N, C-alpha and C. Protein backbone atom coordinates (compact mmCIF):
# COMPACT_ATOMS: atom_id res chain seq x y z
N UNK A 1 -33.60 62.13 79.07
CA UNK A 1 -32.29 62.28 79.67
C UNK A 1 -31.93 63.76 79.74
N UNK A 2 -31.03 64.08 80.68
CA UNK A 2 -30.58 65.46 80.87
C UNK A 2 -29.06 65.50 81.02
N UNK A 3 -28.48 66.58 80.53
CA UNK A 3 -27.05 66.80 80.72
C UNK A 3 -26.80 67.26 82.15
N UNK A 4 -25.70 66.78 82.73
CA UNK A 4 -25.32 67.20 84.08
C UNK A 4 -23.82 67.43 84.14
N UNK A 5 -23.39 68.14 85.18
CA UNK A 5 -21.98 68.29 85.52
C UNK A 5 -21.71 67.40 86.72
N UNK A 6 -20.72 66.54 86.58
CA UNK A 6 -20.34 65.64 87.68
C UNK A 6 -19.18 66.25 88.46
N UNK A 7 -19.24 66.17 89.78
CA UNK A 7 -18.16 66.65 90.63
C UNK A 7 -17.08 65.62 90.81
N UNK A 8 -16.01 66.02 91.48
CA UNK A 8 -14.88 65.11 91.70
C UNK A 8 -15.25 63.94 92.61
N UNK A 9 -16.30 64.14 93.41
CA UNK A 9 -16.73 63.07 94.30
C UNK A 9 -17.67 62.09 93.63
N UNK A 10 -17.89 62.27 92.32
CA UNK A 10 -18.76 61.37 91.58
C UNK A 10 -20.23 61.69 91.70
N UNK A 11 -20.54 62.80 92.36
CA UNK A 11 -21.93 63.21 92.52
C UNK A 11 -22.28 64.31 91.51
N UNK A 12 -23.56 64.41 91.17
CA UNK A 12 -24.02 65.44 90.24
C UNK A 12 -23.97 66.80 90.93
N UNK A 13 -23.25 67.75 90.31
CA UNK A 13 -23.17 69.11 90.84
C UNK A 13 -24.37 69.94 90.41
N UNK A 14 -24.71 69.83 89.12
CA UNK A 14 -25.84 70.62 88.63
C UNK A 14 -26.31 70.04 87.29
N UNK A 15 -27.56 70.33 86.99
CA UNK A 15 -28.13 69.92 85.71
C UNK A 15 -27.95 71.04 84.70
N UNK A 16 -27.73 70.66 83.44
CA UNK A 16 -27.65 71.61 82.33
C UNK A 16 -28.98 71.55 81.59
N UNK A 17 -29.80 72.55 81.82
CA UNK A 17 -31.18 72.53 81.34
C UNK A 17 -31.25 72.66 79.83
N UNK A 18 -32.24 72.02 79.21
CA UNK A 18 -32.44 72.17 77.76
C UNK A 18 -32.99 73.55 77.43
N UNK A 19 -33.07 73.84 76.14
CA UNK A 19 -33.65 75.10 75.69
C UNK A 19 -35.13 75.13 76.02
N UNK A 20 -35.70 76.32 76.02
CA UNK A 20 -37.12 76.48 76.33
C UNK A 20 -37.97 75.62 75.40
N UNK A 21 -38.90 74.88 75.99
CA UNK A 21 -39.81 74.04 75.21
C UNK A 21 -39.29 72.66 74.90
N UNK A 22 -38.04 72.37 75.27
CA UNK A 22 -37.47 71.06 75.01
C UNK A 22 -37.49 70.21 76.28
N UNK A 23 -37.42 68.89 76.09
CA UNK A 23 -37.51 67.98 77.23
C UNK A 23 -36.21 67.27 77.56
N UNK A 24 -35.24 67.25 76.64
CA UNK A 24 -34.00 66.51 76.88
C UNK A 24 -32.79 67.36 76.56
N UNK A 25 -31.66 67.00 77.17
CA UNK A 25 -30.38 67.64 76.87
C UNK A 25 -29.27 66.63 77.07
N UNK A 26 -28.14 66.84 76.40
CA UNK A 26 -26.96 65.99 76.57
C UNK A 26 -25.72 66.84 76.33
N UNK A 27 -24.71 66.65 77.14
CA UNK A 27 -23.44 67.36 76.97
C UNK A 27 -22.51 66.52 76.10
N UNK A 28 -21.79 67.18 75.21
CA UNK A 28 -20.91 66.46 74.29
C UNK A 28 -19.43 66.83 74.44
N UNK A 29 -19.11 68.01 75.00
CA UNK A 29 -17.71 68.41 75.14
C UNK A 29 -17.60 69.58 76.11
N UNK A 30 -16.41 69.78 76.65
CA UNK A 30 -16.14 70.93 77.51
C UNK A 30 -14.69 71.33 77.39
N UNK A 31 -14.36 72.54 77.87
CA UNK A 31 -12.97 72.99 77.87
C UNK A 31 -12.50 73.26 79.29
N UNK A 32 -11.27 73.73 79.43
CA UNK A 32 -10.68 73.90 80.76
C UNK A 32 -11.32 75.04 81.55
N UNK A 33 -12.12 75.87 80.91
CA UNK A 33 -12.75 77.00 81.58
C UNK A 33 -14.19 76.71 81.98
N UNK A 34 -14.60 75.46 81.84
CA UNK A 34 -15.94 75.09 82.27
C UNK A 34 -17.02 75.42 81.28
N UNK A 35 -16.66 75.82 80.07
CA UNK A 35 -17.66 76.00 79.01
C UNK A 35 -18.03 74.63 78.48
N UNK A 36 -19.33 74.37 78.38
CA UNK A 36 -19.82 73.05 78.00
C UNK A 36 -20.75 73.20 76.79
N UNK A 37 -20.60 72.32 75.82
CA UNK A 37 -21.49 72.33 74.66
C UNK A 37 -22.25 71.01 74.60
N UNK A 38 -23.37 71.05 73.90
CA UNK A 38 -24.17 69.84 73.78
C UNK A 38 -25.42 70.10 72.98
N UNK A 39 -26.44 69.28 73.24
CA UNK A 39 -27.65 69.31 72.43
C UNK A 39 -28.88 69.44 73.31
N UNK A 40 -29.96 69.88 72.68
CA UNK A 40 -31.24 70.03 73.36
C UNK A 40 -32.34 69.68 72.37
N UNK A 41 -33.37 68.99 72.85
CA UNK A 41 -34.45 68.62 71.94
C UNK A 41 -35.52 67.81 72.61
N UNK A 42 -36.13 66.93 71.81
CA UNK A 42 -37.21 66.06 72.29
C UNK A 42 -36.66 64.65 72.51
N UNK A 43 -37.36 63.89 73.33
CA UNK A 43 -36.94 62.51 73.59
C UNK A 43 -37.01 61.70 72.29
N UNK A 44 -35.86 61.24 71.82
CA UNK A 44 -35.75 60.55 70.54
C UNK A 44 -34.53 59.64 70.61
N UNK A 45 -33.78 59.53 69.54
CA UNK A 45 -32.55 58.75 69.59
C UNK A 45 -31.58 59.38 70.57
N UNK A 46 -30.85 58.56 71.30
CA UNK A 46 -29.86 59.07 72.24
C UNK A 46 -28.79 59.86 71.50
N UNK A 47 -28.67 61.12 71.84
CA UNK A 47 -27.69 62.03 71.24
C UNK A 47 -27.77 61.98 69.72
N UNK A 48 -28.96 62.25 69.20
CA UNK A 48 -29.11 62.27 67.74
C UNK A 48 -30.51 62.58 67.30
N UNK A 49 -30.63 62.90 66.05
CA UNK A 49 -31.88 63.22 65.38
C UNK A 49 -32.61 64.34 66.15
N UNK A 50 -33.86 64.13 66.59
CA UNK A 50 -34.62 65.21 67.21
C UNK A 50 -34.27 65.44 68.68
N UNK A 51 -33.41 64.62 69.23
CA UNK A 51 -32.85 64.99 70.54
C UNK A 51 -31.80 66.09 70.37
N UNK A 52 -31.48 66.39 69.12
CA UNK A 52 -30.53 67.47 68.80
C UNK A 52 -31.21 68.52 67.91
N UNK A 53 -32.35 69.03 68.37
CA UNK A 53 -33.02 70.12 67.66
C UNK A 53 -32.17 71.39 67.73
N UNK A 54 -31.56 71.63 68.89
CA UNK A 54 -30.74 72.83 69.09
C UNK A 54 -29.34 72.46 69.56
N UNK A 55 -28.35 73.21 69.06
CA UNK A 55 -26.98 73.13 69.58
C UNK A 55 -26.87 74.13 70.73
N UNK A 56 -26.20 73.72 71.81
CA UNK A 56 -26.21 74.53 73.04
C UNK A 56 -24.80 74.82 73.55
N UNK A 57 -24.68 75.95 74.25
CA UNK A 57 -23.50 76.29 75.05
C UNK A 57 -23.99 76.64 76.44
N UNK A 58 -23.41 75.98 77.47
CA UNK A 58 -23.70 76.31 78.85
C UNK A 58 -22.45 76.91 79.47
N UNK A 59 -22.61 78.05 80.15
CA UNK A 59 -21.47 78.73 80.76
C UNK A 59 -21.93 79.55 81.95
N UNK A 60 -21.32 79.27 83.11
CA UNK A 60 -21.60 80.08 84.28
C UNK A 60 -23.06 80.20 84.64
N UNK A 61 -23.81 79.13 84.49
CA UNK A 61 -25.22 79.17 84.83
C UNK A 61 -26.12 79.70 83.74
N UNK A 62 -25.54 80.10 82.61
CA UNK A 62 -26.32 80.61 81.50
C UNK A 62 -26.28 79.62 80.34
N UNK A 63 -27.34 79.62 79.55
CA UNK A 63 -27.38 78.75 78.37
C UNK A 63 -27.60 79.60 77.12
N UNK A 64 -26.93 79.19 76.04
CA UNK A 64 -27.02 79.89 74.76
C UNK A 64 -27.35 78.88 73.68
N UNK A 65 -28.35 79.19 72.86
CA UNK A 65 -28.65 78.37 71.69
C UNK A 65 -27.74 78.84 70.56
N UNK A 66 -26.93 77.93 70.04
CA UNK A 66 -26.00 78.25 68.95
C UNK A 66 -26.77 78.22 67.62
N UNK A 67 -26.77 79.31 66.86
CA UNK A 67 -27.49 79.33 65.58
C UNK A 67 -26.92 78.31 64.60
N UNK A 68 -27.81 77.57 63.93
CA UNK A 68 -27.39 76.59 62.94
C UNK A 68 -27.91 77.02 61.57
N UNK A 69 -28.22 76.05 60.69
CA UNK A 69 -28.66 76.38 59.33
C UNK A 69 -30.18 76.29 59.18
N UNK A 70 -30.89 76.19 60.29
CA UNK A 70 -32.34 76.11 60.23
C UNK A 70 -32.91 74.71 60.26
N UNK A 71 -32.03 73.71 60.32
CA UNK A 71 -32.50 72.34 60.39
C UNK A 71 -33.15 72.04 61.74
N UNK A 72 -33.99 71.03 61.77
CA UNK A 72 -34.73 70.68 62.98
C UNK A 72 -34.25 69.38 63.61
N UNK A 73 -33.10 68.89 63.18
CA UNK A 73 -32.55 67.64 63.74
C UNK A 73 -31.05 67.58 63.48
N UNK A 74 -30.37 66.75 64.29
CA UNK A 74 -28.94 66.47 64.10
C UNK A 74 -28.05 67.71 64.22
N UNK A 75 -28.41 68.66 65.07
CA UNK A 75 -27.60 69.87 65.26
C UNK A 75 -26.71 69.67 66.49
N UNK A 76 -25.44 69.29 66.27
CA UNK A 76 -24.62 68.72 67.34
C UNK A 76 -23.23 69.34 67.44
N UNK A 77 -22.95 70.10 68.52
CA UNK A 77 -21.57 70.52 68.78
C UNK A 77 -20.72 69.31 69.17
N UNK A 78 -19.49 69.29 68.71
CA UNK A 78 -18.63 68.15 69.00
C UNK A 78 -17.39 68.51 69.80
N UNK A 79 -17.00 69.78 69.80
CA UNK A 79 -15.80 70.19 70.53
C UNK A 79 -15.84 71.69 70.78
N UNK A 80 -15.12 72.13 71.84
CA UNK A 80 -14.96 73.54 72.14
C UNK A 80 -13.52 73.78 72.55
N UNK A 81 -12.89 74.77 71.95
CA UNK A 81 -11.48 75.04 72.22
C UNK A 81 -11.32 75.82 73.52
N UNK A 82 -10.08 75.95 74.03
CA UNK A 82 -9.85 76.75 75.23
C UNK A 82 -10.27 78.21 75.06
N UNK A 83 -10.36 78.68 73.83
CA UNK A 83 -10.75 80.06 73.56
C UNK A 83 -12.25 80.20 73.31
N UNK A 84 -13.00 79.10 73.41
CA UNK A 84 -14.43 79.17 73.24
C UNK A 84 -14.92 78.98 71.83
N UNK A 85 -14.05 78.57 70.91
CA UNK A 85 -14.46 78.26 69.54
C UNK A 85 -15.17 76.90 69.53
N UNK A 86 -16.37 76.88 68.98
CA UNK A 86 -17.18 75.65 68.97
C UNK A 86 -17.27 75.12 67.55
N UNK A 87 -17.05 73.81 67.37
CA UNK A 87 -17.26 73.18 66.07
C UNK A 87 -18.48 72.29 66.16
N UNK A 88 -19.24 72.29 65.06
CA UNK A 88 -20.57 71.70 65.06
C UNK A 88 -20.82 71.02 63.72
N UNK A 89 -21.65 69.96 63.72
CA UNK A 89 -22.28 69.53 62.47
C UNK A 89 -23.77 69.72 62.63
N UNK A 90 -24.44 70.15 61.58
CA UNK A 90 -25.86 70.46 61.66
C UNK A 90 -26.50 70.16 60.32
N UNK A 91 -27.76 69.76 60.34
CA UNK A 91 -28.47 69.51 59.09
C UNK A 91 -28.47 70.77 58.22
N UNK A 92 -28.44 70.54 56.90
CA UNK A 92 -28.25 71.63 55.95
C UNK A 92 -29.36 72.67 55.98
N UNK A 93 -30.60 72.24 56.23
CA UNK A 93 -31.73 73.16 56.25
C UNK A 93 -32.94 72.42 56.83
N UNK A 94 -34.04 73.16 57.00
CA UNK A 94 -35.26 72.54 57.49
C UNK A 94 -35.78 71.49 56.52
N UNK A 95 -35.43 71.64 55.24
CA UNK A 95 -35.89 70.68 54.22
C UNK A 95 -35.32 69.29 54.46
N UNK A 96 -34.23 69.18 55.21
CA UNK A 96 -33.63 67.87 55.50
C UNK A 96 -34.52 67.04 56.42
N UNK A 97 -35.41 67.68 57.17
CA UNK A 97 -36.27 66.97 58.09
C UNK A 97 -35.48 66.18 59.11
N UNK A 98 -35.88 64.93 59.34
CA UNK A 98 -35.18 64.07 60.29
C UNK A 98 -34.02 63.30 59.65
N UNK A 99 -33.85 63.43 58.33
CA UNK A 99 -32.76 62.74 57.65
C UNK A 99 -31.42 63.31 58.08
N UNK A 100 -30.41 62.45 58.13
CA UNK A 100 -29.06 62.89 58.50
C UNK A 100 -28.40 63.53 57.28
N UNK A 101 -28.26 64.85 57.30
CA UNK A 101 -27.75 65.62 56.16
C UNK A 101 -26.81 66.71 56.67
N UNK A 102 -25.67 66.31 57.28
CA UNK A 102 -24.87 67.27 58.04
C UNK A 102 -23.95 68.15 57.20
N UNK A 103 -23.73 69.35 57.74
CA UNK A 103 -22.72 70.28 57.23
C UNK A 103 -21.91 70.77 58.43
N UNK A 104 -20.61 70.88 58.25
CA UNK A 104 -19.73 71.32 59.32
C UNK A 104 -19.70 72.85 59.39
N UNK A 105 -19.69 73.36 60.63
CA UNK A 105 -19.49 74.80 60.78
C UNK A 105 -18.77 75.10 62.09
N UNK A 106 -18.30 76.34 62.19
CA UNK A 106 -17.62 76.81 63.39
C UNK A 106 -18.39 78.01 63.92
N UNK A 107 -18.43 78.14 65.25
CA UNK A 107 -19.17 79.25 65.87
C UNK A 107 -18.34 79.89 66.96
N UNK A 108 -18.33 81.22 66.98
CA UNK A 108 -17.79 81.99 68.10
C UNK A 108 -18.77 83.09 68.43
N UNK A 109 -18.70 83.60 69.65
CA UNK A 109 -19.59 84.70 70.03
C UNK A 109 -19.34 85.93 69.17
N UNK A 110 -18.10 86.15 68.79
CA UNK A 110 -17.76 87.36 68.04
C UNK A 110 -18.16 87.27 66.58
N UNK A 111 -17.93 86.11 65.96
CA UNK A 111 -18.16 85.99 64.52
C UNK A 111 -19.41 85.21 64.16
N UNK A 112 -20.07 84.60 65.12
CA UNK A 112 -21.28 83.85 64.84
C UNK A 112 -21.00 82.54 64.11
N UNK A 113 -22.00 82.08 63.36
CA UNK A 113 -21.94 80.80 62.67
C UNK A 113 -21.30 80.97 61.29
N UNK A 114 -20.31 80.14 61.00
CA UNK A 114 -19.61 80.20 59.71
C UNK A 114 -19.43 78.79 59.17
N UNK A 115 -20.00 78.53 58.00
CA UNK A 115 -19.87 77.22 57.38
C UNK A 115 -18.42 76.95 57.02
N UNK A 116 -17.99 75.70 57.18
CA UNK A 116 -16.65 75.30 56.78
C UNK A 116 -16.68 74.85 55.32
N UNK A 117 -15.63 75.18 54.60
CA UNK A 117 -15.57 74.97 53.15
C UNK A 117 -15.79 73.50 52.79
N UNK A 118 -16.62 73.28 51.78
CA UNK A 118 -16.82 71.93 51.28
C UNK A 118 -15.56 71.45 50.55
N UNK A 119 -15.32 70.16 50.57
CA UNK A 119 -14.19 69.57 49.88
C UNK A 119 -14.65 69.08 48.51
N UNK A 120 -14.11 69.65 47.46
CA UNK A 120 -14.41 69.27 46.08
C UNK A 120 -15.93 69.19 45.89
N UNK A 121 -16.42 68.06 45.43
CA UNK A 121 -17.85 67.91 45.17
C UNK A 121 -18.57 67.14 46.27
N UNK A 122 -17.99 67.11 47.47
CA UNK A 122 -18.62 66.37 48.57
C UNK A 122 -19.95 67.02 48.95
N UNK A 123 -20.83 66.20 49.52
CA UNK A 123 -22.18 66.67 49.81
C UNK A 123 -22.45 66.81 51.30
N UNK A 124 -21.70 66.12 52.16
CA UNK A 124 -21.89 66.24 53.60
C UNK A 124 -20.53 66.40 54.28
N UNK A 125 -20.56 66.96 55.49
CA UNK A 125 -19.32 67.13 56.25
C UNK A 125 -19.65 67.20 57.73
N UNK A 126 -18.67 66.81 58.54
CA UNK A 126 -18.80 66.87 60.00
C UNK A 126 -17.50 67.36 60.60
N UNK A 127 -17.58 68.34 61.49
CA UNK A 127 -16.41 68.79 62.25
C UNK A 127 -16.40 68.06 63.58
N UNK A 128 -15.22 67.65 64.04
CA UNK A 128 -15.17 66.84 65.27
C UNK A 128 -14.14 67.31 66.28
N UNK A 129 -13.18 68.15 65.89
CA UNK A 129 -12.16 68.60 66.83
C UNK A 129 -11.61 69.95 66.47
N UNK A 130 -11.13 70.70 67.47
CA UNK A 130 -10.56 72.03 67.24
C UNK A 130 -9.49 72.27 68.30
N UNK A 131 -8.43 72.98 67.92
CA UNK A 131 -7.39 73.30 68.90
C UNK A 131 -7.34 74.81 69.16
N UNK A 132 -6.37 75.21 69.96
CA UNK A 132 -6.27 76.62 70.36
C UNK A 132 -5.93 77.52 69.18
N UNK A 133 -5.39 76.96 68.09
CA UNK A 133 -5.02 77.74 66.89
C UNK A 133 -6.16 77.76 65.88
N UNK A 134 -7.32 77.27 66.27
CA UNK A 134 -8.50 77.21 65.40
C UNK A 134 -8.29 76.33 64.18
N UNK A 135 -7.40 75.36 64.30
CA UNK A 135 -7.34 74.29 63.30
C UNK A 135 -8.45 73.29 63.63
N UNK A 136 -9.21 72.92 62.63
CA UNK A 136 -10.39 72.09 62.82
C UNK A 136 -10.25 70.82 61.99
N UNK A 137 -10.66 69.69 62.55
CA UNK A 137 -10.61 68.43 61.81
C UNK A 137 -11.99 67.79 61.79
N UNK A 138 -12.17 66.88 60.83
CA UNK A 138 -13.43 66.19 60.72
C UNK A 138 -13.44 65.24 59.54
N UNK A 139 -14.60 65.16 58.92
CA UNK A 139 -14.81 64.22 57.82
C UNK A 139 -15.69 64.86 56.77
N UNK A 140 -15.44 64.50 55.51
CA UNK A 140 -16.25 64.99 54.39
C UNK A 140 -16.56 63.80 53.49
N UNK A 141 -17.81 63.73 52.99
CA UNK A 141 -18.24 62.57 52.21
C UNK A 141 -18.95 63.01 50.93
N UNK A 142 -18.82 62.19 49.88
CA UNK A 142 -19.51 62.51 48.63
C UNK A 142 -20.84 61.76 48.56
N UNK A 143 -21.56 61.97 47.47
CA UNK A 143 -22.90 61.40 47.34
C UNK A 143 -22.89 59.88 47.30
N UNK A 144 -21.75 59.27 46.98
CA UNK A 144 -21.63 57.81 46.94
C UNK A 144 -21.23 57.22 48.29
N UNK A 145 -21.09 58.08 49.31
CA UNK A 145 -20.72 57.61 50.63
C UNK A 145 -19.24 57.41 50.83
N UNK A 146 -18.41 57.91 49.90
CA UNK A 146 -16.95 57.85 50.07
C UNK A 146 -16.52 59.03 50.92
N UNK A 147 -15.87 58.74 52.05
CA UNK A 147 -15.52 59.77 53.01
C UNK A 147 -14.01 59.92 53.12
N UNK A 148 -13.60 61.09 53.59
CA UNK A 148 -12.17 61.38 53.75
C UNK A 148 -11.96 62.23 55.00
N UNK A 149 -10.80 62.08 55.62
CA UNK A 149 -10.43 62.92 56.76
C UNK A 149 -10.06 64.31 56.26
N UNK A 150 -10.47 65.33 57.02
CA UNK A 150 -10.32 66.71 56.56
C UNK A 150 -9.67 67.56 57.65
N UNK A 151 -8.86 68.52 57.19
CA UNK A 151 -8.31 69.57 58.04
C UNK A 151 -8.77 70.91 57.48
N UNK A 152 -9.38 71.73 58.34
CA UNK A 152 -9.72 73.10 57.95
C UNK A 152 -8.81 74.07 58.70
N UNK A 153 -8.17 74.96 57.96
CA UNK A 153 -7.38 76.01 58.59
C UNK A 153 -7.30 77.22 57.67
N UNK A 154 -7.31 78.40 58.29
CA UNK A 154 -7.25 79.67 57.57
C UNK A 154 -8.29 79.74 56.45
N UNK A 155 -9.49 79.24 56.73
CA UNK A 155 -10.59 79.36 55.79
C UNK A 155 -10.62 78.34 54.67
N UNK A 156 -9.68 77.42 54.64
CA UNK A 156 -9.62 76.42 53.57
C UNK A 156 -9.77 75.01 54.15
N UNK A 157 -10.32 74.11 53.33
CA UNK A 157 -10.44 72.72 53.71
C UNK A 157 -9.49 71.86 52.90
N UNK A 158 -8.86 70.89 53.55
CA UNK A 158 -7.86 70.04 52.89
C UNK A 158 -8.16 68.57 53.16
N UNK A 159 -8.13 67.78 52.11
CA UNK A 159 -8.20 66.32 52.23
C UNK A 159 -6.86 65.86 52.81
N UNK A 160 -6.88 65.27 54.00
CA UNK A 160 -5.63 64.87 54.63
C UNK A 160 -4.87 63.83 53.82
N UNK A 161 -5.58 63.07 52.99
CA UNK A 161 -4.88 62.09 52.15
C UNK A 161 -3.96 62.75 51.14
N UNK A 162 -4.25 64.00 50.78
CA UNK A 162 -3.39 64.73 49.86
C UNK A 162 -2.15 65.29 50.54
N UNK A 163 -2.14 65.28 51.88
CA UNK A 163 -1.04 65.90 52.62
C UNK A 163 -0.05 64.90 53.18
N UNK A 164 -0.35 63.60 53.13
CA UNK A 164 0.52 62.62 53.79
C UNK A 164 1.47 61.93 52.82
N UNK A 165 1.36 62.22 51.53
CA UNK A 165 2.23 61.55 50.59
C UNK A 165 1.84 60.10 50.38
N UNK A 166 2.78 59.29 49.91
CA UNK A 166 2.51 57.89 49.64
C UNK A 166 2.28 57.13 50.93
N UNK A 167 1.20 56.36 50.97
CA UNK A 167 0.88 55.60 52.18
C UNK A 167 -0.06 54.46 51.82
N UNK A 168 0.01 53.39 52.61
CA UNK A 168 -0.94 52.29 52.45
C UNK A 168 -2.22 52.57 53.24
N UNK A 169 -2.26 53.70 53.94
CA UNK A 169 -3.44 54.07 54.72
C UNK A 169 -4.28 55.08 53.95
N UNK A 170 -5.59 54.87 53.99
CA UNK A 170 -6.54 55.86 53.49
C UNK A 170 -7.20 56.48 54.72
N UNK A 171 -6.97 57.78 54.92
CA UNK A 171 -7.47 58.47 56.11
C UNK A 171 -8.95 58.75 55.94
N UNK A 172 -9.75 58.05 56.74
CA UNK A 172 -11.21 58.06 56.59
C UNK A 172 -11.87 59.17 57.40
N UNK A 173 -11.42 59.39 58.61
CA UNK A 173 -11.99 60.45 59.44
C UNK A 173 -10.93 60.96 60.40
N UNK A 174 -10.96 62.27 60.65
CA UNK A 174 -10.09 62.89 61.64
C UNK A 174 -10.96 63.30 62.82
N UNK A 175 -10.63 62.77 64.01
CA UNK A 175 -11.52 62.93 65.15
C UNK A 175 -11.10 64.00 66.15
N UNK A 176 -9.80 64.31 66.20
CA UNK A 176 -9.37 65.34 67.13
C UNK A 176 -8.00 65.86 66.72
N UNK A 177 -7.66 67.07 67.22
CA UNK A 177 -6.37 67.69 66.93
C UNK A 177 -5.91 68.41 68.18
N UNK A 178 -4.65 68.22 68.55
CA UNK A 178 -4.14 68.88 69.75
C UNK A 178 -3.46 70.20 69.39
N UNK A 179 -2.94 70.89 70.41
CA UNK A 179 -2.38 72.21 70.19
C UNK A 179 -1.02 72.19 69.49
N UNK A 180 -0.46 71.01 69.29
CA UNK A 180 0.76 70.85 68.49
C UNK A 180 0.44 70.44 67.06
N UNK A 181 -0.83 70.35 66.74
CA UNK A 181 -1.23 70.00 65.38
C UNK A 181 -1.28 68.53 65.09
N UNK A 182 -1.14 67.69 66.11
CA UNK A 182 -1.21 66.24 65.91
C UNK A 182 -2.67 65.82 65.80
N UNK A 183 -2.94 64.97 64.82
CA UNK A 183 -4.31 64.59 64.50
C UNK A 183 -4.50 63.09 64.76
N UNK A 184 -5.61 62.75 65.41
CA UNK A 184 -5.96 61.35 65.63
C UNK A 184 -7.26 61.05 64.90
N UNK A 185 -7.36 59.82 64.38
CA UNK A 185 -8.57 59.47 63.65
C UNK A 185 -8.60 58.02 63.26
N UNK A 186 -9.40 57.74 62.23
CA UNK A 186 -9.56 56.37 61.73
C UNK A 186 -9.12 56.31 60.28
N UNK A 187 -8.42 55.25 59.94
CA UNK A 187 -7.94 55.05 58.58
C UNK A 187 -8.24 53.63 58.13
N UNK A 188 -8.17 53.43 56.82
CA UNK A 188 -8.34 52.10 56.25
C UNK A 188 -7.00 51.63 55.72
N UNK A 189 -6.54 50.50 56.22
CA UNK A 189 -5.29 49.90 55.75
C UNK A 189 -5.59 49.13 54.48
N UNK A 190 -5.11 49.63 53.34
CA UNK A 190 -5.45 49.04 52.04
C UNK A 190 -4.73 47.72 51.79
N UNK A 191 -3.70 47.41 52.58
CA UNK A 191 -2.99 46.14 52.43
C UNK A 191 -3.65 45.07 53.31
N UNK A 192 -3.88 45.40 54.57
CA UNK A 192 -4.47 44.43 55.50
C UNK A 192 -5.99 44.36 55.40
N UNK A 193 -6.58 45.34 54.70
CA UNK A 193 -8.05 45.39 54.53
C UNK A 193 -8.78 45.48 55.86
N UNK A 194 -8.29 46.36 56.74
CA UNK A 194 -8.94 46.58 58.03
C UNK A 194 -8.89 48.07 58.36
N UNK A 195 -9.85 48.49 59.20
CA UNK A 195 -9.80 49.85 59.72
C UNK A 195 -8.86 49.89 60.93
N UNK A 196 -8.09 50.96 61.03
CA UNK A 196 -7.13 51.12 62.12
C UNK A 196 -7.20 52.55 62.64
N UNK A 197 -6.69 52.77 63.85
CA UNK A 197 -6.52 54.12 64.37
C UNK A 197 -5.22 54.70 63.80
N UNK A 198 -5.19 56.02 63.63
CA UNK A 198 -3.95 56.66 63.18
C UNK A 198 -3.67 57.92 63.98
N UNK A 199 -2.38 58.30 64.02
CA UNK A 199 -1.97 59.61 64.51
C UNK A 199 -1.09 60.22 63.43
N UNK A 200 -1.41 61.43 63.03
CA UNK A 200 -0.63 62.15 62.02
C UNK A 200 0.05 63.33 62.68
N UNK A 201 1.38 63.41 62.54
CA UNK A 201 2.15 64.52 63.09
C UNK A 201 2.55 65.49 61.99
N UNK A 202 2.39 66.80 62.22
CA UNK A 202 2.80 67.77 61.19
C UNK A 202 4.29 67.75 60.98
N UNK A 203 4.73 67.94 59.74
CA UNK A 203 6.16 68.02 59.40
C UNK A 203 6.50 69.49 59.25
N UNK A 204 7.42 69.96 60.08
CA UNK A 204 7.80 71.38 60.07
C UNK A 204 8.90 71.63 59.06
């Protein structure tokens, strides 16, 4: 499979080529300026594992390989802000092999790749959304597979469950954040015993 840009008429405008030596590509997000991020790799799982050997940025006919942590699989950009800030999850190192062992990071052309702070003793993390203020949301999990929704801002990571006060909801993952700081994601309703969607609004 290959990443493409679709026009308003429903026709393919252009293909987004994979990195040199790779056979597949897929687009995962774009912003209002036509900057597109995605993955490049070998034919494997759809949008995963070795189909994501490299994290990519396509802009104006040019392609850029986004530096990761040296892993050879699961290197996946998930969002790009209007200012070109890219959030990514990527395997921790080459030692992870094909196993899913993600760490969240943020990338900009000016500052390069910067790991996002781990939450307490958690072992894996994924970034999934970013806004114009460089507030980033995602998920962090411990070695037992217990996960929590996370907000990263000003270099710090916060468990969103610690910020909402008393609630019957356990915020499991934060999937996106808008420019007003509103967060959407998935939560577990501890009373009804079901997963639900949530929206969290900041209190000023």
